[in-house]
PDB file of N, CA and C in Angstrom:
ATOM      1  N   MET A   1     197.442 147.429  -3.329  1.00  0.00           N
ATOM      2  CA  MET A   1     196.770 146.290  -3.924  1.00  0.00           C
ATOM      3  C   MET A   1     195.289 146.611  -4.045  1.00  0.00           C
ATOM      4  N   SER A   2     194.725 146.217  -5.136  1.00  0.00           N
ATOM      5  CA  SER A   2     193.343 146.603  -5.375  1.00  0.00           C
ATOM      6  C   SER A   2     192.413 145.398  -5.498  1.00  0.00           C
ATOM      7  N   PHE A   3     191.148 145.687  -5.303  1.00  0.00           N
ATOM      8  CA  PHE A   3     190.135 144.659  -5.464  1.00  0.00           C
ATOM      9  C   PHE A   3     190.163 144.113  -6.892  1.00  0.00           C
ATOM     10  N   ASP A   4     190.361 144.982  -7.859  1.00  0.00           N
ATOM     11  CA  ASP A   4     190.364 144.538  -9.255  1.00  0.00           C
ATOM     12  C   ASP A   4     191.462 143.517  -9.524  1.00  0.00           C
ATOM     13  N   GLU A   5     192.597 143.654  -8.868  1.00  0.00           N
ATOM     14  CA  GLU A   5     193.663 142.656  -9.006  1.00  0.00           C
ATOM     15  C   GLU A   5     193.204 141.322  -8.427  1.00  0.00           C
ATOM     16  N   PHE A   6     192.617 141.369  -7.237  1.00  0.00           N
ATOM     17  CA  PHE A   6     192.086 140.168  -6.605  1.00  0.00           C
ATOM     18  C   PHE A   6     191.040 139.513  -7.503  1.00  0.00           C
ATOM     19  N   TRP A   7     190.108 140.302  -7.982  1.00  0.00           N
ATOM     20  CA  TRP A   7     189.019 139.792  -8.818  1.00  0.00           C
ATOM     21  C   TRP A   7     189.561 139.170 -10.100  1.00  0.00           C
ATOM     22  N   GLY A   8     190.568 139.770 -10.671  1.00  0.00           N
ATOM     23  CA  GLY A   8     191.158 139.261 -11.900  1.00  0.00           C
ATOM     24  C   GLY A   8     191.794 137.891 -11.740  1.00  0.00           C
ATOM     25  N   ILE A   9     192.287 137.595 -10.550  1.00  0.00           N
ATOM     26  CA  ILE A   9     192.939 136.317 -10.287  1.00  0.00           C
ATOM     27  C   ILE A   9     191.947 135.258  -9.847  1.00  0.00           C
ATOM     28  N   TYR A  10     190.911 135.671  -9.116  1.00  0.00           N
ATOM     29  CA  TYR A  10     189.980 134.717  -8.513  1.00  0.00           C
ATOM     30  C   TYR A  10     189.278 133.895  -9.594  1.00  0.00           C
ATOM     31  N   SER A  11     189.216 132.607  -9.381  1.00  0.00           N
ATOM     32  CA  SER A  11     188.694 131.682 -10.394  1.00  0.00           C
ATOM     33  C   SER A  11     187.187 131.745 -10.583  1.00  0.00           C
ATOM     34  N   ARG A  12     186.460 131.926  -9.509  1.00  0.00           N
ATOM     35  CA  ARG A  12     184.995 131.897  -9.571  1.00  0.00           C
ATOM     36  C   ARG A  12     184.468 133.318  -9.449  1.00  0.00           C
ATOM     37  N   LYS A  13     184.003 133.847 -10.540  1.00  0.00           N
ATOM     38  CA  LYS A  13     183.586 135.237 -10.582  1.00  0.00           C
ATOM     39  C   LYS A  13     182.070 135.348 -10.407  1.00  0.00           C
ATOM     40  N   VAL A  14     181.649 135.347  -9.130  1.00  0.00           N
ATOM     41  CA  VAL A  14     180.234 135.500  -8.789  1.00  0.00           C
ATOM     42  C   VAL A  14     180.108 136.497  -7.643  1.00  0.00           C
ATOM     43  N   LYS A  15     178.987 137.173  -7.609  1.00  0.00           N
ATOM     44  CA  LYS A  15     178.652 138.111  -6.526  1.00  0.00           C
ATOM     45  C   LYS A  15     179.769 139.133  -6.294  1.00  0.00           C
ATOM     46  N   LYS A  16     180.105 139.825  -7.363  1.00  0.00           N
ATOM     47  CA  LYS A  16     181.208 140.792  -7.312  1.00  0.00           C
ATOM     48  C   LYS A  16     180.944 141.905  -6.295  1.00  0.00           C
ATOM     49  N   LYS A  17     179.712 142.377  -6.238  1.00  0.00           N
ATOM     50  CA  LYS A  17     179.375 143.459  -5.305  1.00  0.00           C
ATOM     51  C   LYS A  17     179.638 143.034  -3.859  1.00  0.00           C
ATOM     52  N   GLU A  18     179.231 141.824  -3.513  1.00  0.00           N
ATOM     53  CA  GLU A  18     179.460 141.312  -2.157  1.00  0.00           C
ATOM     54  C   GLU A  18     180.951 141.134  -1.886  1.00  0.00           C
ATOM     55  N   ALA A  19     181.677 140.646  -2.879  1.00  0.00           N
ATOM     56  CA  ALA A  19     183.122 140.451  -2.722  1.00  0.00           C
ATOM     57  C   ALA A  19     183.820 141.787  -2.512  1.00  0.00           C
ATOM     58  N   ARG A  20     183.422 142.791  -3.266  1.00  0.00           N
ATOM     59  CA  ARG A  20     184.031 144.122  -3.120  1.00  0.00           C
ATOM     60  C   ARG A  20     183.752 144.677  -1.718  1.00  0.00           C
ATOM     61  N   LYS A  21     182.544 144.455  -1.239  1.00  0.00           N
ATOM     62  CA  LYS A  21     182.166 144.913   0.098  1.00  0.00           C
ATOM     63  C   LYS A  21     183.056 144.262   1.167  1.00  0.00           C
ATOM     64  N   MET A  22     183.288 142.961   1.030  1.00  0.00           N
ATOM     65  CA  MET A  22     184.140 142.252   1.982  1.00  0.00           C
ATOM     66  C   MET A  22     185.587 142.747   1.872  1.00  0.00           C
ATOM     67  N   TRP A  23     186.044 142.989   0.656  1.00  0.00           N
ATOM     68  CA  TRP A  23     187.399 143.487   0.427  1.00  0.00           C
ATOM     69  C   TRP A  23     187.611 144.812   1.155  1.00  0.00           C
ATOM     70  N   GLU A  24     186.635 145.701   1.034  1.00  0.00           N
ATOM     71  CA  GLU A  24     186.758 147.029   1.635  1.00  0.00           C
ATOM     72  C   GLU A  24     186.796 146.961   3.159  1.00  0.00           C
ATOM     73  N   ARG A  25     186.288 145.909   3.739  1.00  0.00           N
ATOM     74  CA  ARG A  25     186.297 145.754   5.199  1.00  0.00           C
ATOM     75  C   ARG A  25     187.652 145.272   5.725  1.00  0.00           C
ATOM     76  N   LEU A  26     188.486 144.751   4.853  1.00  0.00           N
ATOM     77  CA  LEU A  26     189.779 144.209   5.271  1.00  0.00           C
ATOM     78  C   LEU A  26     190.779 145.321   5.573  1.00  0.00           C
ATOM     79  N   SER A  27     191.667 145.044   6.507  1.00  0.00           N
ATOM     80  CA  SER A  27     192.787 145.952   6.742  1.00  0.00           C
ATOM     81  C   SER A  27     193.734 145.856   5.546  1.00  0.00           C
ATOM     82  N   GLN A  28     194.607 146.828   5.416  1.00  0.00           N
ATOM     83  CA  GLN A  28     195.567 146.787   4.315  1.00  0.00           C
ATOM     84  C   GLN A  28     196.449 145.549   4.425  1.00  0.00           C
ATOM     85  N   GLU A  29     196.813 145.188   5.650  1.00  0.00           N
ATOM     86  CA  GLU A  29     197.639 143.996   5.863  1.00  0.00           C
ATOM     87  C   GLU A  29     196.927 142.739   5.356  1.00  0.00           C
ATOM     88  N   ASN A  30     195.643 142.604   5.660  1.00  0.00           N
ATOM     89  CA  ASN A  30     194.894 141.432   5.206  1.00  0.00           C
ATOM     90  C   ASN A  30     194.625 141.467   3.705  1.00  0.00           C
ATOM     91  N   LYS A  31     194.482 142.646   3.142  1.00  0.00           N
ATOM     92  CA  LYS A  31     194.349 142.749   1.682  1.00  0.00           C
ATOM     93  C   LYS A  31     195.620 142.214   1.021  1.00  0.00           C
ATOM     94  N   ASP A  32     196.762 142.600   1.560  1.00  0.00           N
ATOM     95  CA  ASP A  32     198.038 142.129   1.020  1.00  0.00           C
ATOM     96  C   ASP A  32     198.155 140.613   1.143  1.00  0.00           C
ATOM     97  N   LYS A  33     197.769 140.079   2.303  1.00  0.00           N
ATOM     98  CA  LYS A  33     197.820 138.633   2.521  1.00  0.00           C
ATOM     99  C   LYS A  33     196.882 137.907   1.565  1.00  0.00           C
ATOM    100  N   ALA A  34     195.677 138.440   1.418  1.00  0.00           N
ATOM    101  CA  ALA A  34     194.678 137.811   0.541  1.00  0.00           C
ATOM    102  C   ALA A  34     195.164 137.792  -0.902  1.00  0.00           C
ATOM    103  N   LEU A  35     195.700 138.895  -1.348  1.00  0.00           N
ATOM    104  CA  LEU A  35     196.157 138.973  -2.738  1.00  0.00           C
ATOM    105  C   LEU A  35     197.333 138.037  -2.985  1.00  0.00           C
ATOM    106  N   ALA A  36     198.232 137.941  -2.021  1.00  0.00           N
ATOM    107  CA  ALA A  36     199.365 137.022  -2.163  1.00  0.00           C
ATOM    108  C   ALA A  36     198.885 135.574  -2.173  1.00  0.00           C
ATOM    109  N   ALA A  37     197.927 135.256  -1.322  1.00  0.00           N
ATOM    110  CA  ALA A  37     197.454 133.872  -1.197  1.00  0.00           C
ATOM    111  C   ALA A  37     196.580 133.434  -2.358  1.00  0.00           C
ATOM    112  N   ILE A  38     195.802 134.335  -2.923  1.00  0.00           N
ATOM    113  CA  ILE A  38     194.854 133.915  -3.965  1.00  0.00           C
ATOM    114  C   ILE A  38     195.590 133.384  -5.192  1.00  0.00           C
ATOM    115  N   ILE A  39     196.779 133.836  -5.412  1.00  0.00           N
ATOM    116  CA  ILE A  39     197.577 133.318  -6.531  1.00  0.00           C
ATOM    117  C   ILE A  39     197.801 131.822  -6.348  1.00  0.00           C
ATOM    118  N   ASN A  40     198.213 131.429  -5.146  1.00  0.00           N
ATOM    119  CA  ASN A  40     198.446 130.009  -4.866  1.00  0.00           C
ATOM    120  C   ASN A  40     197.144 129.209  -4.839  1.00  0.00           C
ATOM    121  N   HIS A  41     196.100 129.796  -4.290  1.00  0.00           N
ATOM    122  CA  HIS A  41     194.819 129.093  -4.228  1.00  0.00           C
ATOM    123  C   HIS A  41     194.276 128.837  -5.629  1.00  0.00           C
ATOM    124  N   ALA A  42     194.314 129.853  -6.480  1.00  0.00           N
ATOM    125  CA  ALA A  42     193.812 129.692  -7.848  1.00  0.00           C
ATOM    126  C   ALA A  42     194.622 128.635  -8.600  1.00  0.00           C
ATOM    127  N   LYS A  43     195.925 128.654  -8.419  1.00  0.00           N
ATOM    128  CA  LYS A  43     196.781 127.658  -9.056  1.00  0.00           C
ATOM    129  C   LYS A  43     196.459 126.260  -8.524  1.00  0.00           C
ATOM    130  N   HIS A  44     196.255 126.163  -7.222  1.00  0.00           N
ATOM    131  CA  HIS A  44     195.915 124.889  -6.584  1.00  0.00           C
ATOM    132  C   HIS A  44     194.599 124.343  -7.150  1.00  0.00           C
ATOM    133  N   TRP A  45     193.589 125.185  -7.247  1.00  0.00           N
ATOM    134  CA  TRP A  45     192.294 124.742  -7.785  1.00  0.00           C
ATOM    135  C   TRP A  45     192.437 124.269  -9.222  1.00  0.00           C
ATOM    136  N   GLU A  46     193.250 124.981  -9.980  1.00  0.00           N
ATOM    137  CA  GLU A  46     193.456 124.602 -11.385  1.00  0.00           C
ATOM    138  C   GLU A  46     194.192 123.266 -11.491  1.00  0.00           C
ATOM    139  N   GLU A  47     195.258 123.106 -10.724  1.00  0.00           N
ATOM    140  CA  GLU A  47     196.042 121.868 -10.771  1.00  0.00           C
ATOM    141  C   GLU A  47     195.223 120.659 -10.342  1.00  0.00           C
ATOM    142  N   LYS A  48     194.351 120.855  -9.357  1.00  0.00           N
ATOM    143  CA  LYS A  48     193.513 119.767  -8.873  1.00  0.00           C
ATOM    144  C   LYS A  48     192.315 119.507  -9.779  1.00  0.00           C
ATOM    145  N   GLY A  49     192.048 120.429 -10.683  1.00  0.00           N
ATOM    146  CA  GLY A  49     190.872 120.300 -11.533  1.00  0.00           C
ATOM    147  C   GLY A  49     189.586 120.500 -10.737  1.00  0.00           C
ATOM    148  N   THR A  50     189.645 121.366  -9.746  1.00  0.00           N
ATOM    149  CA  THR A  50     188.490 121.612  -8.886  1.00  0.00           C
ATOM    150  C   THR A  50     187.330 122.160  -9.706  1.00  0.00           C
ATOM    151  N   GLU A  51     186.181 121.508  -9.580  1.00  0.00           N
ATOM    152  CA  GLU A  51     184.990 121.989 -10.269  1.00  0.00           C
ATOM    153  C   GLU A  51     184.570 123.324  -9.673  1.00  0.00           C
ATOM    154  N   MET A  52     184.060 124.197 -10.508  1.00  0.00           N
ATOM    155  CA  MET A  52     183.706 125.550 -10.108  1.00  0.00           C
ATOM    156  C   MET A  52     182.773 125.564  -8.890  1.00  0.00           C
ATOM    157  N   GLN A  53     181.869 124.610  -8.832  1.00  0.00           N
ATOM    158  CA  GLN A  53     180.905 124.596  -7.727  1.00  0.00           C
ATOM    159  C   GLN A  53     181.568 124.366  -6.368  1.00  0.00           C
ATOM    160  N   TYR A  54     182.799 123.861  -6.357  1.00  0.00           N
ATOM    161  CA  TYR A  54     183.509 123.601  -5.102  1.00  0.00           C
ATOM    162  C   TYR A  54     184.508 124.695  -4.732  1.00  0.00           C
ATOM    163  N   ILE A  55     184.627 125.687  -5.577  1.00  0.00           N
ATOM    164  CA  ILE A  55     185.463 126.843  -5.260  1.00  0.00           C
ATOM    165  C   ILE A  55     184.564 127.842  -4.533  1.00  0.00           C
ATOM    166  N   PRO A  56     184.969 128.298  -3.349  1.00  0.00           N
ATOM    167  CA  PRO A  56     184.102 129.206  -2.596  1.00  0.00           C
ATOM    168  C   PRO A  56     183.847 130.514  -3.346  1.00  0.00           C
ATOM    169  N   HIS A  57     182.702 131.099  -3.071  1.00  0.00           N
ATOM    170  CA  HIS A  57     182.438 132.435  -3.607  1.00  0.00           C
ATOM    171  C   HIS A  57     183.524 133.360  -3.072  1.00  0.00           C
ATOM    172  N   PRO A  58     183.947 134.328  -3.852  1.00  0.00           N
ATOM    173  CA  PRO A  58     185.032 135.201  -3.395  1.00  0.00           C
ATOM    174  C   PRO A  58     184.693 135.945  -2.104  1.00  0.00           C
ATOM    175  N   SER A  59     183.439 136.343  -1.928  1.00  0.00           N
ATOM    176  CA  SER A  59     183.064 137.035  -0.682  1.00  0.00           C
ATOM    177  C   SER A  59     183.207 136.102   0.510  1.00  0.00           C
ATOM    178  N   SER A  60     182.862 134.841   0.343  1.00  0.00           N
ATOM    179  CA  SER A  60     183.013 133.863   1.425  1.00  0.00           C
ATOM    180  C   SER A  60     184.487 133.608   1.721  1.00  0.00           C
ATOM    181  N   TRP A  61     185.286 133.532   0.662  1.00  0.00           N
ATOM    182  CA  TRP A  61     186.719 133.312   0.818  1.00  0.00           C
ATOM    183  C   TRP A  61     187.338 134.452   1.624  1.00  0.00           C
ATOM    184  N   LEU A  62     186.958 135.670   1.296  1.00  0.00           N
ATOM    185  CA  LEU A  62     187.479 136.837   2.015  1.00  0.00           C
ATOM    186  C   LEU A  62     186.958 136.892   3.445  1.00  0.00           C
ATOM    187  N   ASN A  63     185.661 136.719   3.616  1.00  0.00           N
ATOM    188  CA  ASN A  63     185.047 136.803   4.938  1.00  0.00           C
ATOM    189  C   ASN A  63     185.601 135.729   5.878  1.00  0.00           C
ATOM    190  N   GLY A  64     185.879 134.556   5.348  1.00  0.00           N
ATOM    191  CA  GLY A  64     186.402 133.461   6.150  1.00  0.00           C
ATOM    192  C   GLY A  64     187.904 133.493   6.345  1.00  0.00           C
ATOM    193  N   GLU A  65     188.541 134.553   5.854  1.00  0.00           N
ATOM    194  CA  GLU A  65     190.004 134.673   5.919  1.00  0.00           C
ATOM    195  C   GLU A  65     190.679 133.394   5.428  1.00  0.00           C
ATOM    196  N   ARG A  66     190.197 132.927   4.283  1.00  0.00           N
ATOM    197  CA  ARG A  66     190.669 131.663   3.728  1.00  0.00           C
ATOM    198  C   ARG A  66     192.109 131.726   3.244  1.00  0.00           C
ATOM    199  N   TRP A  67     192.673 132.927   3.173  1.00  0.00           N
ATOM    200  CA  TRP A  67     194.093 133.031   2.819  1.00  0.00           C
ATOM    201  C   TRP A  67     194.961 132.359   3.883  1.00  0.00           C
ATOM    202  N   GLU A  68     194.383 132.107   5.053  1.00  0.00           N
ATOM    203  CA  GLU A  68     195.102 131.426   6.126  1.00  0.00           C
ATOM    204  C   GLU A  68     195.039 129.901   5.991  1.00  0.00           C
ATOM    205  N   ASP A  69     194.178 129.397   5.102  1.00  0.00           N
ATOM    206  CA  ASP A  69     194.011 127.952   4.936  1.00  0.00           C
ATOM    207  C   ASP A  69     195.284 127.304   4.406  1.00  0.00           C
ATOM    208  N   GLN A  70     195.545 126.109   4.901  1.00  0.00           N
ATOM    209  CA  GLN A  70     196.642 125.311   4.365  1.00  0.00           C
ATOM    210  C   GLN A  70     196.082 124.503   3.200  1.00  0.00           C
ATOM    211  N   LEU A  71     196.702 124.616   2.070  1.00  0.00           N
ATOM    212  CA  LEU A  71     196.245 123.897   0.886  1.00  0.00           C
ATOM    213  C   LEU A  71     196.738 122.459   0.920  1.00  0.00           C
ATOM    214  N   GLU A  72     195.902 121.557   0.446  1.00  0.00           N
ATOM    215  CA  GLU A  72     196.321 120.164   0.320  1.00  0.00           C
ATOM    216  C   GLU A  72     197.394 120.090  -0.757  1.00  0.00           C
ATOM    217  N   GLU A  73     198.377 119.253  -0.520  1.00  0.00           N
ATOM    218  CA  GLU A  73     199.428 119.095  -1.520  1.00  0.00           C
ATOM    219  C   GLU A  73     198.886 118.275  -2.680  1.00  0.00           C
ATOM    220  N   THR A  74     199.267 118.654  -3.872  1.00  0.00           N
ATOM    221  CA  THR A  74     198.860 117.870  -5.032  1.00  0.00           C
ATOM    222  C   THR A  74     199.624 116.558  -5.024  1.00  0.00           C
ATOM    223  N   SER A  75     199.080 115.544  -5.635  1.00  0.00           N
ATOM    224  CA  SER A  75     199.701 114.220  -5.605  1.00  0.00           C
ATOM    225  C   SER A  75     201.100 114.235  -6.211  1.00  0.00           C
ATOM    226  N   ALA A  76     201.330 115.018  -7.240  1.00  0.00           N
ATOM    227  CA  ALA A  76     202.656 115.079  -7.861  1.00  0.00           C
ATOM    228  C   ALA A  76     203.665 115.655  -6.873  1.00  0.00           C
ATOM    229  N   LYS A  77     203.254 116.663  -6.147  1.00  0.00           N
ATOM    230  CA  LYS A  77     204.149 117.279  -5.168  1.00  0.00           C
ATOM    231  C   LYS A  77     204.437 116.301  -4.024  1.00  0.00           C
ATOM    232  N   VAL A  78     203.422 115.596  -3.565  1.00  0.00           N
ATOM    233  CA  VAL A  78     203.592 114.626  -2.497  1.00  0.00           C
ATOM    234  C   VAL A  78     204.557 113.530  -2.929  1.00  0.00           C
ATOM    235  N   LEU A  79     204.386 113.014  -4.129  1.00  0.00           N
ATOM    236  CA  LEU A  79     205.272 111.963  -4.623  1.00  0.00           C
ATOM    237  C   LEU A  79     206.708 112.459  -4.730  1.00  0.00           C
ATOM    238  N   PHE A  80     206.875 113.684  -5.208  1.00  0.00           N
ATOM    239  CA  PHE A  80     208.211 114.255  -5.324  1.00  0.00           C
ATOM    240  C   PHE A  80     208.864 114.382  -3.942  1.00  0.00           C
ATOM    241  N   LEU A  81     208.120 114.931  -2.983  1.00  0.00           N
ATOM    242  CA  LEU A  81     208.663 115.099  -1.643  1.00  0.00           C
ATOM    243  C   LEU A  81     209.021 113.771  -1.000  1.00  0.00           C
ATOM    244  N   ARG A  82     208.189 112.768  -1.214  1.00  0.00           N
ATOM    245  CA  ARG A  82     208.483 111.457  -0.665  1.00  0.00           C
ATOM    246  C   ARG A  82     209.755 110.872  -1.268  1.00  0.00           C
ATOM    247  N   SER A  83     209.947 111.073  -2.567  1.00  0.00           N
ATOM    248  CA  SER A  83     211.132 110.527  -3.221  1.00  0.00           C
ATOM    249  C   SER A  83     212.404 111.238  -2.759  1.00  0.00           C
ATOM    250  N   VAL A  84     212.292 112.520  -2.464  1.00  0.00           N
ATOM    251  CA  VAL A  84     213.449 113.309  -2.001  1.00  0.00           C
ATOM    252  C   VAL A  84     213.822 112.918  -0.583  1.00  0.00           C
ATOM    253  N   ARG A  85     212.847 112.594   0.236  1.00  0.00           N
ATOM    254  CA  ARG A  85     213.095 112.269   1.647  1.00  0.00           C
ATOM    255  C   ARG A  85     213.710 110.899   1.847  1.00  0.00           C
ATOM    256  N   LYS A  86     213.630 110.034   0.854  1.00  0.00           N
ATOM    257  CA  LYS A  86     214.168 108.660   0.998  1.00  0.00           C
ATOM    258  C   LYS A  86     215.649 108.627   0.960  1.00  0.00           C
TER     259      LYS A  86
END
């Protein structure tokens, strides 16, 4: 998995040099986790209509190991789950 793949998916493209530096510090295992998670995070931000200013810089996302964050469920998903559980 490469930084370029991560960068291509990440929604907020700022401070690429810093993001690459953080990427290179990650273990291969964490690179794999980050790349797998960023797909869901980017989709989540898009579905929620998250303004760009509220999406973390990619270097901060990597440094904070944000791939471990639990994403808030979108309202449509919550409503669906509630209807299924009844």
